[in-house]
Structure formats: structure tokens, C-alpha cells
Amino acid sequence: MASRRTTRATAITIVVSAAVWVLLLAGIGSSLLTDDPPAESPYASGPRGDDGAAATAGRPIVSAVGFDTGWVEITNTGDAPASLDGWWMCNRPSYFELPAVTLAPGESLLVSGTDEAAIADAVAAREPVATAAAAGSLGSITAGDGEIGLYTSSSFGDPTAIVAYVEWGSSGHGRSGTAVEAGIWTDGDFVDPSGAAVIEATTDAPTSAAGWSSDG
């Protein structure tokens, strides 16, 4: 009798286990069988609705850096509006809090390293919806060497706070390790400006120098 009970219990366990695997392979209750980035990733598709479809999300990135008069362009490459309220840019050891503007998909904010008058030509050429002047608090933005990190808060060493990054001239700047840990930059990589006046992102979410170009 004990042997029959053991055999029956084993059979039930096998059936239940098989059913669980069927559910998992069907994608019910499992996020481990997908290729989606983690929810905290700045390049994640965002939360999903009741129908399982990915919700739209804003995605501000560092889209260009101009060396002629020292400016940085932030563009929303996502599918929904994105607020920059409370966001920061870092060019370690210099920092600048962005204005509380909301960028619609495709819209840009142009930040001058000094004053807004210095970026008049860039504004005319790139047509941002808003501008801001860092008044020197962003440090020197030159073609020789530098970095720009974009953060959702002032926690500059936190890899969950940094959402976009680029370094040029050399690697290993102050925030490159944080960007590498966050998965948004490639260790040891850097953009070669080659005397360019501007470097520009060529993808919606660049994570290496291959996602950037210069105008020579």
C-alpha cells in the first residue's frame, strides 16, 4: 500500500511540475524567459499595460556636444513626453541642474556651458525647444577631452541614476565607471573628436563610440 501511495504521489508531482513548465514557457508569470532589459534600465521599454503591450516611455539622451562655444544637447528619443525636472548633467567635477522642462518626442534642450548668447548659432541650426545657461558650472567643454553624464537625480555615483553618457578624447573619466556599471557605456571606449566642432549620437540609445559621429 505504501509503495502505491509513493508511486501515485510521484506521478502527481511530475504532472504538476510539467504544468508549471508549460505555464513558464508560455510566458505566464515569468520575466526570466524574455530578452527585455531590467525595469530599472534607462533603455527599458517601460511598464506594460493590461494587454501585455509595452507602454510608451520618454528617453532623454545626450544627443550632441558642441565644442565651438561649449554646449550640450539633450534630446528625447522616446515615444512619450519626458520631464527633466530634478535631472542633472555631470562633467566631473562640475555639475549643472537642468531646468524643469518637458520634452515631447524628438524635442531637444540646448545647454550652454557659459551663457545663452554663446550658442546663438547652434540654436539657429538645431532648433531646440528650450535653452539653458550653465554659467560655468558645467566646466570646460572642449574637443580635447571630456565627458557628459545625464542623471535623473544628483546621486552621481549611483548607476541607477545615470541614464546617458559619452566621453571623448580618452577613456576613464570620473563618471565612466558608473556608466559602465549601468550598462550604458563600453569600458575603455571613447569618441575621437578629431578636431570636430560637434560630435553627435547616431542611435536612439548610444552605448559606445560606435553610436557617435563627428563632423570633422
Foldseek 3Di string as FASTA:
>chain_A
DVVVVVVVVVVVVVVVVVVVVVCVVVVHPDPPPDPADDQLALPGLHDADPVRDRDWDWRWEFFKFFAPQTKTKIATQTQAKDWLVQKKKAFPPFIARDDGDIHGHGAMEMEGLADPVSCPVVCVVVVHPYYYYRNNRRDHRHLQWTKMWIFSHPPQQALSGTHYMAIANWDDDPRVVSLVVNVQADHGAHAYQVPARMKGAQDSRHHGNVRIDGPD
